Protein backbone atom coordinates (compact mmCIF):
# COMPACT_ATOMS: atom_id res chain seq x y z
CA MET A 1 -103.55 73.46 93.43
CA ARG A 2 -99.51 74.63 93.49
CA HIS A 3 -99.50 73.73 96.85
CA VAL A 4 -101.36 70.43 96.39
CA LEU A 5 -98.80 69.10 93.73
CA TYR A 6 -96.01 70.42 95.81
CA ALA A 7 -97.02 68.69 98.56
CA MET A 8 -97.63 65.41 96.79
CA LEU A 9 -94.32 65.83 95.14
CA CYS A 10 -92.49 65.94 98.36
CA ALA A 11 -94.21 63.30 99.73
CA SER A 12 -93.17 61.37 96.94
CA VAL A 13 -89.38 62.42 97.12
CA LEU A 14 -89.86 61.71 100.96
CA GLY A 15 -91.28 58.18 100.13
CA MET A 16 -88.65 57.03 98.00
CA PHE A 17 -85.69 58.27 99.99
CA LEU A 18 -87.30 56.71 103.19
CA GLY A 19 -88.05 53.20 101.20
CA ALA A 20 -84.49 53.40 100.22
CA ILE A 21 -82.88 53.06 104.19
CA ARG A 22 -83.49 49.95 105.66
CA SER A 23 -83.84 50.55 109.76
CA VAL A 24 -81.31 48.66 111.85
CA ASP A 25 -84.50 46.39 113.19
CA ALA A 26 -84.63 44.93 109.53
CA ALA A 27 -80.53 44.64 109.40
CA ASP A 28 -78.87 41.24 109.22
CA PRO A 29 -76.05 41.63 111.89
CA ALA A 30 -74.52 38.28 110.36
CA LYS A 31 -73.85 40.15 107.02
CA GLY A 32 -72.88 43.14 108.91
CA LYS A 33 -70.28 41.45 110.68
CA LEU A 34 -68.63 40.07 106.87
CA LEU A 35 -68.89 43.76 106.19
CA TYR A 36 -67.22 45.34 109.26
CA GLU A 37 -64.44 42.50 109.23
CA LYS A 38 -63.93 43.28 105.32
CA HIS A 39 -63.83 47.15 105.70
CA CYS A 40 -63.82 48.48 109.40
CA MET A 41 -61.69 46.09 111.49
CA VAL A 42 -58.12 47.06 110.58
CA CYS A 43 -59.09 50.52 112.23
CA HIS A 44 -61.85 49.84 114.74
CA GLY A 45 -60.54 46.18 115.93
CA PRO A 46 -62.23 43.02 116.24
CA GLN A 47 -64.19 44.34 119.36
CA GLY A 48 -65.04 47.54 117.84
CA LYS A 49 -62.63 49.27 120.47
CA GLY A 50 -60.64 51.15 118.31
CA ASP A 51 -57.56 49.04 118.71
CA GLY A 52 -57.09 47.34 115.29
CA PRO A 53 -53.58 47.51 113.93
CA THR A 54 -53.62 50.61 112.07
CA GLY A 55 -56.47 52.31 114.48
CA ARG A 56 -53.96 52.32 117.10
CA MET A 57 -51.37 54.45 115.20
CA LEU A 58 -54.35 56.95 114.20
CA LYS A 59 -54.25 60.48 115.51
CA PRO A 60 -57.03 61.06 116.55
CA PRO A 61 -57.28 57.36 117.31
CA ALA A 62 -60.20 55.39 115.54
CA ALA A 63 -63.57 55.35 117.26
CA ASP A 64 -64.32 52.77 120.16
CA PHE A 65 -67.78 51.73 119.25
CA THR A 66 -68.09 50.44 122.99
CA SER A 67 -67.57 53.52 124.61
CA THR A 68 -69.97 55.74 126.64
CA ALA A 69 -69.73 58.61 123.70
CA SER A 70 -70.10 56.14 120.68
CA LYS A 71 -73.01 54.80 122.53
CA LYS A 72 -74.64 57.98 122.92
CA LYS A 73 -74.65 58.54 119.01
CA SER A 74 -78.01 57.88 117.07
CA GLU A 75 -78.43 55.59 114.12
CA ALA A 76 -78.71 58.73 112.09
CA GLU A 77 -75.46 60.20 113.66
CA LEU A 78 -73.86 56.97 112.90
CA THR A 79 -75.02 56.71 109.13
CA GLN A 80 -74.03 59.99 108.55
CA ILE A 81 -70.39 59.39 109.97
CA ILE A 82 -70.43 56.19 107.72
CA ASP A 83 -71.51 57.98 104.68
CA ASN A 84 -69.66 61.36 104.71
CA GLY A 85 -66.66 60.38 106.84
CA LYS A 86 -65.60 62.60 109.86
CA PRO A 87 -63.32 65.60 109.20
CA GLY A 88 -60.33 66.04 111.05
CA THR A 89 -59.88 62.07 111.00
CA ALA A 90 -58.68 59.23 109.09
CA MET A 91 -62.41 57.87 108.67
CA GLY A 92 -63.24 58.56 104.88
CA PRO A 93 -66.59 58.31 103.38
CA TRP A 94 -68.22 55.18 102.39
CA LYS A 95 -71.20 56.72 100.38
CA GLY A 96 -71.44 55.06 97.10
CA GLN A 97 -69.10 52.11 98.19
CA LEU A 98 -71.73 50.65 100.71
CA SER A 99 -75.25 50.20 99.40
CA PRO A 100 -78.05 50.95 101.64
CA ALA A 101 -78.85 47.54 102.59
CA ASP A 102 -75.03 46.89 103.32
CA LEU A 103 -74.96 50.06 105.52
CA SER A 104 -77.68 49.00 107.36
CA ASP A 105 -76.53 45.47 107.98
CA LEU A 106 -72.95 47.03 109.22
CA LEU A 107 -74.65 49.62 111.36
CA GLY A 108 -77.07 46.41 112.83
CA TYR A 109 -73.91 44.76 113.69
CA VAL A 110 -71.88 47.91 115.47
CA MET A 111 -75.35 48.37 117.25
CA THR A 112 -74.82 44.85 118.84
CA TRP A 113 -72.02 46.08 121.05
CA ARG A 114 -74.37 48.86 122.66
CA LYS A 115 -75.81 45.72 124.29
CA SER A 116 -72.72 45.00 126.39
């Protein structure tokens, strides 16, 4: 009986967690572009190449989302970096500052550069 209750609790928590996250397929890249322009462009540049006015001065420089290395990162990896920041870089955490929907929209916009 205990195992059944535990399994039900785990399934319930997992369902709530997954329900809070929208996939990039459900994202609105137009909204994501506005968020990008507001929060990210100063470092990552207008085309995501890491060449924003601040990004060029950073050591290490801001990430280039159009690079092969960046394109190899999964949605989960990019989400984790946006949420928690990236140690050893100027990329700080955005968790709590962006809603799950905003994060999904932002990631949906960034993912558009993978097609080019």
